[in-house]
Amino acid sequence: MGTFVYGRRQGGRFAYKIEDRTLRHVELAIVTKLRRGEQFAFTLGERVVPSGLGTHVLWIGPHIPLQFEYMTSPRQIPINRAWIERLIQDASLPDGLHLVPEPDSVPLGSAARLS
């Protein structure tokens, strides 16, 4: 289980627990959008927000510190290009980026889909 950290250490930061595989794909989508100069909303619901704190909608932009912490090496996680593309497309919608299930696809650099 990895952690997505939003905000500065001293000025109020929020940490969200997200499974490493999902976090890696979210990271690649966010980095792609930021490299394009695009800003967007990222909505996190009950699955990752601590109980009783509701839904969090985060603004993702170039001046907001983000950190992606993994339990395993992110380089060992097979990449599903279709999932990244779906996350990037969703981030462009008015509701912004949401965690969505992984679509069926063969991960990059692999002959078979790994579970």
N, C-alpha and C. Protein backbone atom coordinates (compact mmCIF):
# COMPACT_ATOMS: atom_id res chain seq x y z
N MET A 1 0.85 -1.17 0.00
CA MET A 1 0.00 0.00 0.00
C MET A 1 0.89 1.23 0.00
N GLY A 2 0.68 2.09 -0.98
CA GLY A 2 1.46 3.31 -1.09
C GLY A 2 0.72 4.50 -0.49
N THR A 3 1.33 5.67 -0.59
CA THR A 3 0.74 6.89 -0.05
C THR A 3 0.88 8.02 -1.05
N PHE A 4 -0.21 8.73 -1.28
CA PHE A 4 -0.21 9.95 -2.07
C PHE A 4 -0.25 11.10 -1.07
N VAL A 5 0.77 11.96 -1.11
CA VAL A 5 0.87 13.07 -0.17
C VAL A 5 0.62 14.37 -0.93
N TYR A 6 -0.30 15.17 -0.42
CA TYR A 6 -0.69 16.43 -1.04
C TYR A 6 -0.41 17.57 -0.07
N GLY A 7 0.36 18.55 -0.50
CA GLY A 7 0.62 19.73 0.32
C GLY A 7 1.98 19.71 0.98
N ARG A 8 2.28 20.80 1.66
CA ARG A 8 3.57 20.99 2.33
C ARG A 8 3.58 20.30 3.69
N ARG A 9 4.76 19.90 4.12
CA ARG A 9 4.90 19.25 5.42
C ARG A 9 4.47 20.18 6.56
N GLN A 10 4.82 21.45 6.51
CA GLN A 10 4.53 22.36 7.62
C GLN A 10 3.19 23.06 7.48
N GLY A 11 2.69 23.20 6.26
CA GLY A 11 1.49 23.99 6.05
C GLY A 11 0.24 23.17 5.81
N GLY A 12 0.12 22.05 6.44
CA GLY A 12 -1.07 21.23 6.28
C GLY A 12 -0.94 20.31 5.08
N ARG A 13 -0.54 19.11 5.33
CA ARG A 13 -0.42 18.13 4.25
C ARG A 13 -1.40 17.01 4.52
N PHE A 14 -1.84 16.39 3.48
CA PHE A 14 -2.78 15.30 3.57
C PHE A 14 -2.16 14.06 2.94
N ALA A 15 -2.33 12.91 3.58
CA ALA A 15 -1.78 11.65 3.08
C ALA A 15 -2.93 10.67 2.85
N TYR A 16 -2.92 10.06 1.68
CA TYR A 16 -3.98 9.13 1.28
C TYR A 16 -3.35 7.78 0.93
N LYS A 17 -3.85 6.72 1.51
CA LYS A 17 -3.36 5.37 1.24
C LYS A 17 -4.01 4.85 -0.04
N ILE A 18 -3.17 4.48 -1.01
CA ILE A 18 -3.63 3.97 -2.30
C ILE A 18 -2.74 2.78 -2.66
N GLU A 19 -3.34 1.72 -3.15
CA GLU A 19 -2.60 0.52 -3.56
C GLU A 19 -1.50 0.92 -4.55
N ASP A 20 -0.31 0.32 -4.41
CA ASP A 20 0.85 0.70 -5.23
C ASP A 20 0.58 0.71 -6.72
N ARG A 21 -0.09 -0.31 -7.23
CA ARG A 21 -0.34 -0.39 -8.68
C ARG A 21 -1.21 0.78 -9.14
N THR A 22 -2.25 1.06 -8.40
CA THR A 22 -3.13 2.19 -8.73
C THR A 22 -2.36 3.50 -8.61
N LEU A 23 -1.60 3.65 -7.53
CA LEU A 23 -0.84 4.88 -7.31
C LEU A 23 0.14 5.14 -8.45
N ARG A 24 0.81 4.10 -8.94
CA ARG A 24 1.77 4.28 -10.03
C ARG A 24 1.09 4.82 -11.29
N HIS A 25 -0.10 4.30 -11.59
CA HIS A 25 -0.82 4.77 -12.78
C HIS A 25 -1.35 6.19 -12.58
N VAL A 26 -1.80 6.50 -11.38
CA VAL A 26 -2.23 7.87 -11.06
C VAL A 26 -1.04 8.82 -11.17
N GLU A 27 0.12 8.42 -10.66
CA GLU A 27 1.31 9.26 -10.76
C GLU A 27 1.64 9.57 -12.22
N LEU A 28 1.66 8.55 -13.05
CA LEU A 28 2.00 8.77 -14.47
C LEU A 28 0.99 9.68 -15.15
N ALA A 29 -0.28 9.55 -14.81
CA ALA A 29 -1.31 10.42 -15.40
C ALA A 29 -1.12 11.86 -14.91
N ILE A 30 -0.90 12.05 -13.61
CA ILE A 30 -0.72 13.39 -13.07
C ILE A 30 0.52 14.06 -13.64
N VAL A 31 1.62 13.35 -13.69
CA VAL A 31 2.86 13.91 -14.23
C VAL A 31 2.68 14.29 -15.70
N THR A 32 2.00 13.47 -16.46
CA THR A 32 1.75 13.79 -17.87
C THR A 32 0.95 15.08 -18.00
N LYS A 33 -0.12 15.20 -17.21
CA LYS A 33 -0.95 16.41 -17.27
C LYS A 33 -0.15 17.65 -16.86
N LEU A 34 0.65 17.55 -15.81
CA LEU A 34 1.43 18.70 -15.35
C LEU A 34 2.50 19.08 -16.37
N ARG A 35 3.11 18.10 -17.01
CA ARG A 35 4.10 18.40 -18.06
C ARG A 35 3.47 19.16 -19.22
N ARG A 36 2.20 18.92 -19.47
CA ARG A 36 1.46 19.61 -20.53
C ARG A 36 0.99 21.00 -20.09
N GLY A 37 1.25 21.34 -18.84
CA GLY A 37 0.83 22.63 -18.31
C GLY A 37 -0.64 22.67 -17.91
N GLU A 38 -1.23 21.50 -17.71
CA GLU A 38 -2.65 21.42 -17.37
C GLU A 38 -2.85 21.26 -15.88
N GLN A 39 -3.87 21.93 -15.35
CA GLN A 39 -4.27 21.81 -13.95
C GLN A 39 -5.65 21.18 -13.91
N PHE A 40 -5.98 20.51 -12.80
CA PHE A 40 -7.24 19.78 -12.75
C PHE A 40 -7.58 19.39 -11.32
N ALA A 41 -8.82 18.96 -11.12
CA ALA A 41 -9.27 18.47 -9.82
C ALA A 41 -9.03 16.97 -9.72
N PHE A 42 -8.75 16.50 -8.52
CA PHE A 42 -8.57 15.09 -8.23
C PHE A 42 -9.47 14.76 -7.04
N THR A 43 -10.50 13.95 -7.28
CA THR A 43 -11.47 13.62 -6.25
C THR A 43 -11.14 12.27 -5.63
N LEU A 44 -11.04 12.25 -4.31
CA LEU A 44 -10.77 11.02 -3.56
C LEU A 44 -11.94 10.77 -2.62
N GLY A 45 -12.50 9.56 -2.69
CA GLY A 45 -13.67 9.22 -1.89
C GLY A 45 -13.34 8.35 -0.70
N GLU A 46 -14.39 7.70 -0.18
CA GLU A 46 -14.28 6.92 1.06
C GLU A 46 -13.23 5.83 1.01
N ARG A 47 -12.92 5.32 -0.18
CA ARG A 47 -11.94 4.24 -0.28
C ARG A 47 -10.57 4.63 0.23
N VAL A 48 -10.21 5.90 0.09
CA VAL A 48 -8.86 6.34 0.47
C VAL A 48 -8.86 7.45 1.52
N VAL A 49 -9.98 8.14 1.70
CA VAL A 49 -10.06 9.20 2.71
C VAL A 49 -10.39 8.55 4.05
N PRO A 50 -9.68 8.92 5.12
CA PRO A 50 -9.98 8.32 6.43
C PRO A 50 -11.46 8.45 6.80
N SER A 51 -11.98 7.45 7.46
CA SER A 51 -13.38 7.38 7.84
C SER A 51 -13.85 8.66 8.53
N GLY A 52 -15.02 9.12 8.11
CA GLY A 52 -15.61 10.29 8.73
C GLY A 52 -15.18 11.62 8.15
N LEU A 53 -14.26 11.60 7.21
CA LEU A 53 -13.77 12.85 6.63
C LEU A 53 -14.37 13.16 5.27
N GLY A 54 -15.30 12.34 4.80
CA GLY A 54 -16.00 12.61 3.55
C GLY A 54 -15.13 12.47 2.32
N THR A 55 -15.53 13.16 1.28
CA THR A 55 -14.81 13.16 0.01
C THR A 55 -13.90 14.38 -0.04
N HIS A 56 -12.70 14.20 -0.55
CA HIS A 56 -11.77 15.31 -0.73
C HIS A 56 -11.60 15.59 -2.21
N VAL A 57 -11.70 16.85 -2.59
CA VAL A 57 -11.42 17.28 -3.95
C VAL A 57 -10.17 18.15 -3.88
N LEU A 58 -9.09 17.67 -4.49
CA LEU A 58 -7.79 18.34 -4.45
C LEU A 58 -7.53 19.04 -5.78
N TRP A 59 -6.95 20.22 -5.73
CA TRP A 59 -6.55 20.91 -6.95
C TRP A 59 -5.11 20.52 -7.25
N ILE A 60 -4.89 20.00 -8.45
CA ILE A 60 -3.55 19.59 -8.86
C ILE A 60 -3.00 20.64 -9.82
N GLY A 61 -1.90 21.25 -9.43
CA GLY A 61 -1.27 22.28 -10.24
C GLY A 61 0.23 22.28 -9.99
N PRO A 62 0.98 23.05 -10.78
CA PRO A 62 2.44 23.01 -10.71
C PRO A 62 3.05 23.55 -9.41
N HIS A 63 2.31 24.34 -8.65
CA HIS A 63 2.87 24.96 -7.45
C HIS A 63 2.43 24.25 -6.17
N ILE A 64 1.76 23.12 -6.31
CA ILE A 64 1.31 22.36 -5.14
C ILE A 64 2.20 21.13 -4.99
N PRO A 65 2.89 20.99 -3.86
CA PRO A 65 3.77 19.84 -3.67
C PRO A 65 2.98 18.52 -3.64
N LEU A 66 3.47 17.56 -4.38
CA LEU A 66 2.89 16.22 -4.40
C LEU A 66 4.01 15.22 -4.15
N GLN A 67 3.67 14.14 -3.48
CA GLN A 67 4.65 13.09 -3.24
C GLN A 67 3.97 11.74 -3.40
N PHE A 68 4.66 10.82 -4.05
CA PHE A 68 4.17 9.46 -4.27
C PHE A 68 5.11 8.51 -3.55
N GLU A 69 4.62 7.84 -2.52
CA GLU A 69 5.45 6.94 -1.72
C GLU A 69 4.97 5.51 -1.94
N TYR A 70 5.89 4.61 -2.23
CA TYR A 70 5.57 3.23 -2.56
C TYR A 70 6.16 2.25 -1.55
N MET A 71 5.45 1.14 -1.34
CA MET A 71 6.00 0.05 -0.53
C MET A 71 6.95 -0.81 -1.38
N THR A 72 6.68 -0.89 -2.67
CA THR A 72 7.54 -1.62 -3.60
C THR A 72 8.13 -0.61 -4.59
N SER A 73 9.12 -1.02 -5.33
CA SER A 73 9.71 -0.13 -6.33
C SER A 73 8.71 0.12 -7.45
N PRO A 74 8.42 1.39 -7.76
CA PRO A 74 7.48 1.67 -8.84
C PRO A 74 7.94 1.14 -10.20
N ARG A 75 9.24 0.97 -10.36
CA ARG A 75 9.77 0.46 -11.63
C ARG A 75 9.43 -1.01 -11.85
N GLN A 76 9.05 -1.71 -10.79
CA GLN A 76 8.69 -3.13 -10.91
C GLN A 76 7.20 -3.32 -11.20
N ILE A 77 6.45 -2.24 -11.25
CA ILE A 77 5.00 -2.33 -11.48
C ILE A 77 4.74 -2.29 -12.98
N PRO A 78 4.13 -3.35 -13.54
CA PRO A 78 3.79 -3.34 -14.97
C PRO A 78 2.81 -2.20 -15.28
N ILE A 79 3.02 -1.53 -16.39
CA ILE A 79 2.20 -0.38 -16.75
C ILE A 79 1.14 -0.76 -17.77
N ASN A 80 -0.08 -0.32 -17.52
CA ASN A 80 -1.21 -0.52 -18.41
C ASN A 80 -1.51 0.82 -19.09
N ARG A 81 -1.10 0.94 -20.34
CA ARG A 81 -1.25 2.21 -21.07
C ARG A 81 -2.71 2.65 -21.16
N ALA A 82 -3.63 1.70 -21.34
CA ALA A 82 -5.06 2.04 -21.44
C ALA A 82 -5.55 2.70 -20.16
N TRP A 83 -5.07 2.23 -19.03
CA TRP A 83 -5.48 2.81 -17.74
C TRP A 83 -4.96 4.24 -17.61
N ILE A 84 -3.71 4.46 -17.98
CA ILE A 84 -3.15 5.81 -17.92
C ILE A 84 -3.93 6.75 -18.83
N GLU A 85 -4.22 6.30 -20.03
CA GLU A 85 -4.97 7.14 -20.97
C GLU A 85 -6.36 7.46 -20.44
N ARG A 86 -7.00 6.49 -19.81
CA ARG A 86 -8.34 6.73 -19.22
C ARG A 86 -8.25 7.76 -18.10
N LEU A 87 -7.24 7.65 -17.23
CA LEU A 87 -7.07 8.61 -16.14
C LEU A 87 -6.80 10.02 -16.68
N ILE A 88 -5.98 10.12 -17.72
CA ILE A 88 -5.68 11.42 -18.33
C ILE A 88 -6.94 12.03 -18.93
N GLN A 89 -7.71 11.22 -19.64
CA GLN A 89 -8.96 11.72 -20.24
C GLN A 89 -9.94 12.17 -19.16
N ASP A 90 -10.09 11.37 -18.12
CA ASP A 90 -11.01 11.71 -17.04
C ASP A 90 -10.61 13.01 -16.35
N ALA A 91 -9.31 13.23 -16.20
CA ALA A 91 -8.83 14.45 -15.53
C ALA A 91 -9.22 15.70 -16.31
N SER A 92 -9.48 15.56 -17.60
CA SER A 92 -9.87 16.71 -18.43
C SER A 92 -11.36 17.01 -18.36
N LEU A 93 -12.14 16.12 -17.76
CA LEU A 93 -13.58 16.34 -17.62
C LEU A 93 -13.86 17.33 -16.49
N PRO A 94 -15.06 17.93 -16.48
CA PRO A 94 -15.38 18.90 -15.42
C PRO A 94 -15.23 18.35 -14.01
N ASP A 95 -15.53 17.06 -13.80
CA ASP A 95 -15.39 16.46 -12.47
C ASP A 95 -13.95 16.10 -12.13
N GLY A 96 -13.06 16.12 -13.11
CA GLY A 96 -11.66 15.84 -12.87
C GLY A 96 -11.33 14.37 -12.70
N LEU A 97 -10.15 14.13 -12.20
CA LEU A 97 -9.60 12.78 -12.03
C LEU A 97 -10.27 12.07 -10.86
N HIS A 98 -10.63 10.83 -11.07
CA HIS A 98 -11.16 9.94 -10.03
C HIS A 98 -10.40 8.62 -10.13
N LEU A 99 -10.34 7.88 -9.05
CA LEU A 99 -9.77 6.54 -9.11
C LEU A 99 -10.79 5.63 -9.79
N VAL A 100 -10.38 5.02 -10.89
CA VAL A 100 -11.26 4.12 -11.63
C VAL A 100 -10.60 2.75 -11.71
N PRO A 101 -11.41 1.69 -11.85
CA PRO A 101 -10.83 0.34 -11.95
C PRO A 101 -9.96 0.21 -13.19
N GLU A 102 -9.00 -0.67 -13.11
CA GLU A 102 -8.09 -0.92 -14.23
C GLU A 102 -8.83 -1.62 -15.36
N PRO A 103 -8.75 -1.06 -16.58
CA PRO A 103 -9.34 -1.75 -17.73
C PRO A 103 -8.48 -2.93 -18.15
N ASP A 104 -9.08 -3.90 -18.82
CA ASP A 104 -8.31 -5.03 -19.34
C ASP A 104 -7.38 -4.55 -20.44
N SER A 105 -6.12 -4.92 -20.31
CA SER A 105 -5.11 -4.55 -21.30
C SER A 105 -3.83 -5.29 -20.97
N VAL A 106 -2.97 -5.43 -21.94
CA VAL A 106 -1.65 -6.02 -21.70
C VAL A 106 -0.73 -4.90 -21.24
N PRO A 107 -0.11 -5.02 -20.05
CA PRO A 107 0.81 -4.00 -19.57
C PRO A 107 1.99 -3.82 -20.53
N LEU A 108 2.53 -2.61 -20.58
CA LEU A 108 3.69 -2.34 -21.41
C LEU A 108 4.85 -3.23 -20.98
N GLY A 109 5.58 -3.75 -21.93
CA GLY A 109 6.75 -4.55 -21.62
C GLY A 109 6.42 -5.94 -21.10
N SER A 110 5.21 -6.40 -21.30
CA SER A 110 4.82 -7.71 -20.80
C SER A 110 3.98 -8.42 -21.84
N ALA A 111 4.12 -9.73 -21.93
CA ALA A 111 3.35 -10.49 -22.89
C ALA A 111 1.98 -10.89 -22.33
N ALA A 112 1.83 -10.86 -21.02
CA ALA A 112 0.57 -11.28 -20.41
C ALA A 112 0.21 -10.31 -19.29
N ARG A 113 -1.08 -10.19 -19.03
CA ARG A 113 -1.56 -9.32 -17.96
C ARG A 113 -1.28 -9.96 -16.61
N LEU A 114 -0.66 -9.19 -15.72
CA LEU A 114 -0.38 -9.68 -14.39
C LEU A 114 -1.46 -9.21 -13.44
N SER A 115 -1.84 -10.03 -12.47
CA SER A 115 -2.87 -9.63 -11.51
C SER A 115 -2.24 -9.02 -10.29
